[in-house]
Amino acid sequence: MTQSHRTEKVTEQIQEGRYLAKVEITHHYDGSGWDPTIDRLDIEKLARVTHALRAGDVKAATRDAEVFELHPVAAE
């Protein structure tokens, strides 16, 4: 039986403190029952963004992600 392999681009969101990062990664589907999987390079990208945001290094995080600063909104 042949297993088909497909990929899907997805956006993962990481929130650290007042920052939210949107990181594009690829999910891999091969029908193995472990779907979806993420390749090592995407795992490293997610880790880089997380560590950069935790360190307050927004510039470093923006190398791999779109970064937003969150502000509280007062209820009316």
PDB file of N, CA and C in Angstrom:
ATOM      1  N   MET A   1       0.838  -1.173   0.000  1.00  0.00           N
ATOM      2  CA  MET A   1       0.000   0.000   0.000  1.00  0.00           C
ATOM      3  C   MET A   1       0.888   1.243   0.000  1.00  0.00           C
ATOM      4  N   THR A   2       0.642   2.160  -0.881  1.00  0.00           N
ATOM      5  CA  THR A   2       1.425   3.372  -1.002  1.00  0.00           C
ATOM      6  C   THR A   2       0.838   4.460  -0.125  1.00  0.00           C
ATOM      7  N   GLN A   3       1.730   5.093   0.651  1.00  0.00           N
ATOM      8  CA  GLN A   3       1.285   6.201   1.478  1.00  0.00           C
ATOM      9  C   GLN A   3       1.541   7.504   0.738  1.00  0.00           C
ATOM     10  N   SER A   4       0.541   8.349   0.722  1.00  0.00           N
ATOM     11  CA  SER A   4       0.724   9.646   0.070  1.00  0.00           C
ATOM     12  C   SER A   4       1.268  10.637   1.092  1.00  0.00           C
ATOM     13  N   HIS A   5       2.101  11.512   0.616  1.00  0.00           N
ATOM     14  CA  HIS A   5       2.691  12.531   1.475  1.00  0.00           C
ATOM     15  C   HIS A   5       2.171  13.883   1.019  1.00  0.00           C
ATOM     16  N   ARG A   6       1.692  14.664   1.970  1.00  0.00           N
ATOM     17  CA  ARG A   6       1.272  16.013   1.632  1.00  0.00           C
ATOM     18  C   ARG A   6       1.771  16.958   2.715  1.00  0.00           C
ATOM     19  N   THR A   7       1.870  18.207   2.346  1.00  0.00           N
ATOM     20  CA  THR A   7       2.293  19.232   3.286  1.00  0.00           C
ATOM     21  C   THR A   7       1.258  20.342   3.314  1.00  0.00           C
ATOM     22  N   GLU A   8       1.260  21.063   4.410  1.00  0.00           N
ATOM     23  CA  GLU A   8       0.325  22.173   4.574  1.00  0.00           C
ATOM     24  C   GLU A   8       1.024  23.289   5.345  1.00  0.00           C
ATOM     25  N   LYS A   9       1.059  24.485   4.772  1.00  0.00           N
ATOM     26  CA  LYS A   9       1.616  25.647   5.465  1.00  0.00           C
ATOM     27  C   LYS A   9       0.604  26.110   6.507  1.00  0.00           C
ATOM     28  N   VAL A  10       1.080  26.318   7.722  1.00  0.00           N
ATOM     29  CA  VAL A  10       0.227  26.791   8.809  1.00  0.00           C
ATOM     30  C   VAL A  10       0.947  27.911   9.549  1.00  0.00           C
ATOM     31  N   THR A  11       0.176  28.694  10.269  1.00  0.00           N
ATOM     32  CA  THR A  11       0.749  29.756  11.087  1.00  0.00           C
ATOM     33  C   THR A  11       0.547  29.404  12.552  1.00  0.00           C
ATOM     34  N   GLU A  12       1.658  29.273  13.253  1.00  0.00           N
ATOM     35  CA  GLU A  12       1.624  29.029  14.697  1.00  0.00           C
ATOM     36  C   GLU A  12       1.730  30.372  15.397  1.00  0.00           C
ATOM     37  N   GLN A  13       1.045  30.513  16.512  1.00  0.00           N
ATOM     38  CA  GLN A  13       1.118  31.741  17.288  1.00  0.00           C
ATOM     39  C   GLN A  13       1.819  31.460  18.606  1.00  0.00           C
ATOM     40  N   ILE A  14       2.732  32.351  18.955  1.00  0.00           N
ATOM     41  CA  ILE A  14       3.466  32.243  20.214  1.00  0.00           C
ATOM     42  C   ILE A  14       3.248  33.546  20.961  1.00  0.00           C
ATOM     43  N   GLN A  15       2.762  33.450  22.197  1.00  0.00           N
ATOM     44  CA  GLN A  15       2.616  34.650  23.008  1.00  0.00           C
ATOM     45  C   GLN A  15       3.595  34.563  24.166  1.00  0.00           C
ATOM     46  N   GLU A  16       4.384  35.600  24.308  1.00  0.00           N
ATOM     47  CA  GLU A  16       5.305  35.742  25.430  1.00  0.00           C
ATOM     48  C   GLU A  16       5.143  37.156  25.968  1.00  0.00           C
ATOM     49  N   GLY A  17       4.612  37.247  27.174  1.00  0.00           N
ATOM     50  CA  GLY A  17       4.400  38.562  27.769  1.00  0.00           C
ATOM     51  C   GLY A  17       3.491  39.413  26.903  1.00  0.00           C
ATOM     52  N   ARG A  18       3.967  40.597  26.553  1.00  0.00           N
ATOM     53  CA  ARG A  18       3.138  41.526  25.779  1.00  0.00           C
ATOM     54  C   ARG A  18       3.303  41.362  24.275  1.00  0.00           C
ATOM     55  N   TYR A  19       4.010  40.309  23.845  1.00  0.00           N
ATOM     56  CA  TYR A  19       4.243  40.092  22.417  1.00  0.00           C
ATOM     57  C   TYR A  19       3.542  38.840  21.902  1.00  0.00           C
ATOM     58  N   LEU A  20       3.086  38.928  20.664  1.00  0.00           N
ATOM     59  CA  LEU A  20       2.501  37.787  19.968  1.00  0.00           C
ATOM     60  C   LEU A  20       3.245  37.649  18.644  1.00  0.00           C
ATOM     61  N   ALA A  21       3.735  36.451  18.386  1.00  0.00           N
ATOM     62  CA  ALA A  21       4.453  36.195  17.133  1.00  0.00           C
ATOM     63  C   ALA A  21       3.667  35.204  16.295  1.00  0.00           C
ATOM     64  N   LYS A  22       3.617  35.467  14.991  1.00  0.00           N
ATOM     65  CA  LYS A  22       2.997  34.551  14.037  1.00  0.00           C
ATOM     66  C   LYS A  22       4.124  33.949  13.204  1.00  0.00           C
ATOM     67  N   VAL A  23       4.287  32.630  13.328  1.00  0.00           N
ATOM     68  CA  VAL A  23       5.398  31.923  12.698  1.00  0.00           C
ATOM     69  C   VAL A  23       4.848  30.942  11.671  1.00  0.00           C
ATOM     70  N   GLU A  24       5.302  31.053  10.421  1.00  0.00           N
ATOM     71  CA  GLU A  24       4.854  30.119   9.386  1.00  0.00           C
ATOM     72  C   GLU A  24       5.731  28.871   9.419  1.00  0.00           C
ATOM     73  N   ILE A  25       5.066  27.722   9.523  1.00  0.00           N
ATOM     74  CA  ILE A  25       5.762  26.441   9.493  1.00  0.00           C
ATOM     75  C   ILE A  25       5.010  25.504   8.539  1.00  0.00           C
ATOM     76  N   THR A  26       5.549  24.318   8.339  1.00  0.00           N
ATOM     77  CA  THR A  26       4.924  23.337   7.459  1.00  0.00           C
ATOM     78  C   THR A  26       4.574  22.085   8.245  1.00  0.00           C
ATOM     79  N   HIS A  27       3.317  21.666   8.167  1.00  0.00           N
ATOM     80  CA  HIS A  27       2.895  20.372   8.713  1.00  0.00           C
ATOM     81  C   HIS A  27       3.065  19.332   7.614  1.00  0.00           C
ATOM     82  N   HIS A  28       3.574  18.173   7.997  1.00  0.00           N
ATOM     83  CA  HIS A  28       3.777  17.072   7.055  1.00  0.00           C
ATOM     84  C   HIS A  28       2.825  15.933   7.422  1.00  0.00           C
ATOM     85  N   TYR A  29       2.143  15.429   6.420  1.00  0.00           N
ATOM     86  CA  TYR A  29       1.197  14.322   6.590  1.00  0.00           C
ATOM     87  C   TYR A  29       1.649  13.171   5.713  1.00  0.00           C
ATOM     88  N   ASP A  30       1.869  11.994   6.335  1.00  0.00           N
ATOM     89  CA  ASP A  30       2.275  10.829   5.538  1.00  0.00           C
ATOM     90  C   ASP A  30       1.428   9.591   5.830  1.00  0.00           C
ATOM     91  N   GLY A  31       0.378   9.767   6.640  1.00  0.00           N
ATOM     92  CA  GLY A  31      -0.513   8.653   6.929  1.00  0.00           C
ATOM     93  C   GLY A  31       0.047   7.662   7.931  1.00  0.00           C
ATOM     94  N   SER A  32       1.108   8.033   8.635  1.00  0.00           N
ATOM     95  CA  SER A  32       1.765   7.111   9.558  1.00  0.00           C
ATOM     96  C   SER A  32       1.041   6.986  10.888  1.00  0.00           C
ATOM     97  N   GLY A  33       0.084   7.857  11.147  1.00  0.00           N
ATOM     98  CA  GLY A  33      -0.586   7.853  12.433  1.00  0.00           C
ATOM     99  C   GLY A  33       0.030   8.859  13.398  1.00  0.00           C
ATOM    100  N   TRP A  34       1.148   9.444  13.029  1.00  0.00           N
ATOM    101  CA  TRP A  34       1.810  10.461  13.846  1.00  0.00           C
ATOM    102  C   TRP A  34       1.571  11.856  13.264  1.00  0.00           C
ATOM    103  N   ASP A  35       0.649  11.969  12.332  1.00  0.00           N
ATOM    104  CA  ASP A  35       0.391  13.224  11.639  1.00  0.00           C
ATOM    105  C   ASP A  35      -0.273  14.254  12.549  1.00  0.00           C
ATOM    106  N   PRO A  36      -0.027  15.534  12.343  1.00  0.00           N
ATOM    107  CA  PRO A  36       1.020  16.041  11.463  1.00  0.00           C
ATOM    108  C   PRO A  36       2.359  16.059  12.193  1.00  0.00           C
ATOM    109  N   THR A  37       3.432  16.016  11.427  1.00  0.00           N
ATOM    110  CA  THR A  37       4.763  16.170  11.990  1.00  0.00           C
ATOM    111  C   THR A  37       5.338  17.498  11.510  1.00  0.00           C
ATOM    112  N   ILE A  38       6.351  17.956  12.228  1.00  0.00           N
ATOM    113  CA  ILE A  38       7.030  19.213  11.904  1.00  0.00           C
ATOM    114  C   ILE A  38       8.508  18.883  11.767  1.00  0.00           C
ATOM    115  N   ASP A  39       9.154  19.412  10.736  1.00  0.00           N
ATOM    116  CA  ASP A  39      10.565  19.086  10.566  1.00  0.00           C
ATOM    117  C   ASP A  39      11.435  19.864  11.556  1.00  0.00           C
ATOM    118  N   ARG A  40      12.660  19.408  11.709  1.00  0.00           N
ATOM    119  CA  ARG A  40      13.591  19.951  12.683  1.00  0.00           C
ATOM    120  C   ARG A  40      13.821  21.454  12.492  1.00  0.00           C
ATOM    121  N   LEU A  41      13.922  21.909  11.262  1.00  0.00           N
ATOM    122  CA  LEU A  41      14.178  23.328  11.014  1.00  0.00           C
ATOM    123  C   LEU A  41      13.034  24.210  11.506  1.00  0.00           C
ATOM    124  N   ASP A  42      11.802  23.731  11.348  1.00  0.00           N
ATOM    125  CA  ASP A  42      10.655  24.502  11.848  1.00  0.00           C
ATOM    126  C   ASP A  42      10.603  24.478  13.376  1.00  0.00           C
ATOM    127  N   ILE A  43      10.976  23.363  13.987  1.00  0.00           N
ATOM    128  CA  ILE A  43      11.029  23.296  15.453  1.00  0.00           C
ATOM    129  C   ILE A  43      12.069  24.280  15.971  1.00  0.00           C
ATOM    130  N   GLU A  44      13.214  24.341  15.311  1.00  0.00           N
ATOM    131  CA  GLU A  44      14.260  25.276  15.712  1.00  0.00           C
ATOM    132  C   GLU A  44      13.796  26.723  15.528  1.00  0.00           C
ATOM    133  N   LYS A  45      13.045  26.992  14.465  1.00  0.00           N
ATOM    134  CA  LYS A  45      12.516  28.343  14.223  1.00  0.00           C
ATOM    135  C   LYS A  45      11.574  28.741  15.358  1.00  0.00           C
ATOM    136  N   LEU A  46      10.660  27.850  15.745  1.00  0.00           N
ATOM    137  CA  LEU A  46       9.741  28.141  16.847  1.00  0.00           C
ATOM    138  C   LEU A  46      10.507  28.402  18.140  1.00  0.00           C
ATOM    139  N   ALA A  47      11.543  27.623  18.383  1.00  0.00           N
ATOM    140  CA  ALA A  47      12.355  27.803  19.591  1.00  0.00           C
ATOM    141  C   ALA A  47      13.097  29.137  19.563  1.00  0.00           C
ATOM    142  N   ARG A  48      13.655  29.506  18.409  1.00  0.00           N
ATOM    143  CA  ARG A  48      14.359  30.793  18.293  1.00  0.00           C
ATOM    144  C   ARG A  48      13.432  31.962  18.607  1.00  0.00           C
ATOM    145  N   VAL A  49      12.232  31.917  18.047  1.00  0.00           N
ATOM    146  CA  VAL A  49      11.273  33.004  18.276  1.00  0.00           C
ATOM    147  C   VAL A  49      10.881  33.055  19.746  1.00  0.00           C
ATOM    148  N   THR A  50      10.588  31.920  20.339  1.00  0.00           N
ATOM    149  CA  THR A  50      10.210  31.865  21.756  1.00  0.00           C
ATOM    150  C   THR A  50      11.317  32.428  22.637  1.00  0.00           C
ATOM    151  N   HIS A  51      12.531  31.981  22.418  1.00  0.00           N
ATOM    152  CA  HIS A  51      13.661  32.445  23.238  1.00  0.00           C
ATOM    153  C   HIS A  51      13.918  33.936  23.040  1.00  0.00           C
ATOM    154  N   ALA A  52      13.810  34.412  21.809  1.00  0.00           N
ATOM    155  CA  ALA A  52      14.022  35.835  21.546  1.00  0.00           C
ATOM    156  C   ALA A  52      12.979  36.683  22.264  1.00  0.00           C
ATOM    157  N   LEU A  53      11.719  36.272  22.201  1.00  0.00           N
ATOM    158  CA  LEU A  53      10.670  37.034  22.868  1.00  0.00           C
ATOM    159  C   LEU A  53      10.845  37.011  24.378  1.00  0.00           C
ATOM    160  N   ARG A  54      11.224  35.857  24.927  1.00  0.00           N
ATOM    161  CA  ARG A  54      11.452  35.775  26.379  1.00  0.00           C
ATOM    162  C   ARG A  54      12.581  36.690  26.815  1.00  0.00           C
ATOM    163  N   ALA A  55      13.574  36.861  25.935  1.00  0.00           N
ATOM    164  CA  ALA A  55      14.715  37.724  26.244  1.00  0.00           C
ATOM    165  C   ALA A  55      14.426  39.191  25.930  1.00  0.00           C
ATOM    166  N   GLY A  56      13.244  39.472  25.357  1.00  0.00           N
ATOM    167  CA  GLY A  56      12.894  40.835  24.993  1.00  0.00           C
ATOM    168  C   GLY A  56      13.572  41.315  23.722  1.00  0.00           C
ATOM    169  N   ASP A  57      14.114  40.384  22.941  1.00  0.00           N
ATOM    170  CA  ASP A  57      14.815  40.719  21.700  1.00  0.00           C
ATOM    171  C   ASP A  57      13.849  40.619  20.518  1.00  0.00           C
ATOM    172  N   VAL A  58      13.026  41.641  20.373  1.00  0.00           N
ATOM    173  CA  VAL A  58      12.002  41.648  19.334  1.00  0.00           C
ATOM    174  C   VAL A  58      12.640  41.627  17.949  1.00  0.00           C
ATOM    175  N   LYS A  59      13.750  42.332  17.787  1.00  0.00           N
ATOM    176  CA  LYS A  59      14.424  42.374  16.493  1.00  0.00           C
ATOM    177  C   LYS A  59      14.823  40.967  16.043  1.00  0.00           C
ATOM    178  N   ALA A  60      15.364  40.163  16.947  1.00  0.00           N
ATOM    179  CA  ALA A  60      15.737  38.788  16.604  1.00  0.00           C
ATOM    180  C   ALA A  60      14.501  37.962  16.256  1.00  0.00           C
ATOM    181  N   ALA A  61      13.417  38.158  16.987  1.00  0.00           N
ATOM    182  CA  ALA A  61      12.183  37.398  16.728  1.00  0.00           C
ATOM    183  C   ALA A  61      11.620  37.713  15.352  1.00  0.00           C
ATOM    184  N   THR A  62      11.780  38.967  14.906  1.00  0.00           N
ATOM    185  CA  THR A  62      11.209  39.355  13.614  1.00  0.00           C
ATOM    186  C   THR A  62      11.963  38.749  12.432  1.00  0.00           C
ATOM    187  N   ARG A  63      13.101  38.134  12.669  1.00  0.00           N
ATOM    188  CA  ARG A  63      13.815  37.442  11.582  1.00  0.00           C
ATOM    189  C   ARG A  63      13.041  36.213  11.116  1.00  0.00           C
ATOM    190  N   ASP A  64      12.279  35.616  12.041  1.00  0.00           N
ATOM    191  CA  ASP A  64      11.555  34.384  11.727  1.00  0.00           C
ATOM    192  C   ASP A  64      10.052  34.511  11.851  1.00  0.00           C
ATOM    193  N   ALA A  65       9.550  35.668  12.285  1.00  0.00           N
ATOM    194  CA  ALA A  65       8.125  35.775  12.577  1.00  0.00           C
ATOM    195  C   ALA A  65       7.640  37.202  12.383  1.00  0.00           C
ATOM    196  N   GLU A  66       6.341  37.313  12.258  1.00  0.00           N
ATOM    197  CA  GLU A  66       5.682  38.612  12.300  1.00  0.00           C
ATOM    198  C   GLU A  66       5.313  38.830  13.763  1.00  0.00           C
ATOM    199  N   VAL A  67       5.765  39.939  14.350  1.00  0.00           N
ATOM    200  CA  VAL A  67       5.604  40.154  15.785  1.00  0.00           C
ATOM    201  C   VAL A  67       4.681  41.341  16.036  1.00  0.00           C
ATOM    202  N   PHE A  68       3.795  41.166  17.001  1.00  0.00           N
ATOM    203  CA  PHE A  68       2.841  42.206  17.397  1.00  0.00           C
ATOM    204  C   PHE A  68       3.013  42.494  18.880  1.00  0.00           C
ATOM    205  N   GLU A  69       2.808  43.750  19.251  1.00  0.00           N
ATOM    206  CA  GLU A  69       2.819  44.128  20.653  1.00  0.00           C
ATOM    207  C   GLU A  69       1.366  44.231  21.105  1.00  0.00           C
ATOM    208  N   LEU A  70       1.047  43.587  22.216  1.00  0.00           N
ATOM    209  CA  LEU A  70      -0.318  43.576  22.737  1.00  0.00           C
ATOM    210  C   LEU A  70      -0.504  44.691  23.763  1.00  0.00           C
ATOM    211  N   HIS A  71      -1.669  45.320  23.700  1.00  0.00           N
ATOM    212  CA  HIS A  71      -2.010  46.370  24.645  1.00  0.00           C
ATOM    213  C   HIS A  71      -3.386  46.057  25.231  1.00  0.00           C
ATOM    214  N   PRO A  72      -3.560  46.249  26.540  1.00  0.00           N
ATOM    215  CA  PRO A  72      -4.879  46.016  27.133  1.00  0.00           C
ATOM    216  C   PRO A  72      -5.901  47.037  26.623  1.00  0.00           C
ATOM    217  N   VAL A  73      -7.119  46.612  26.535  1.00  0.00           N
ATOM    218  CA  VAL A  73      -8.207  47.476  26.091  1.00  0.00           C
ATOM    219  C   VAL A  73      -9.165  47.647  27.278  1.00  0.00           C
ATOM    220  N   ALA A  74      -9.469  48.893  27.589  1.00  0.00           N
ATOM    221  CA  ALA A  74     -10.383  49.160  28.692  1.00  0.00           C
ATOM    222  C   ALA A  74     -11.825  48.920  28.238  1.00  0.00           C
ATOM    223  N   ALA A  75     -12.603  48.276  29.111  1.00  0.00           N
ATOM    224  CA  ALA A  75     -14.015  48.043  28.804  1.00  0.00           C
ATOM    225  C   ALA A  75     -14.778  49.353  29.010  1.00  0.00           C
ATOM    226  N   GLU A  76     -15.785  49.572  28.171  1.00  0.00           N
ATOM    227  CA  GLU A  76     -16.595  50.792  28.289  1.00  0.00           C
ATOM    228  C   GLU A  76     -17.892  50.516  28.961  1.00  0.00           C
TER     229      GLU A  76
END
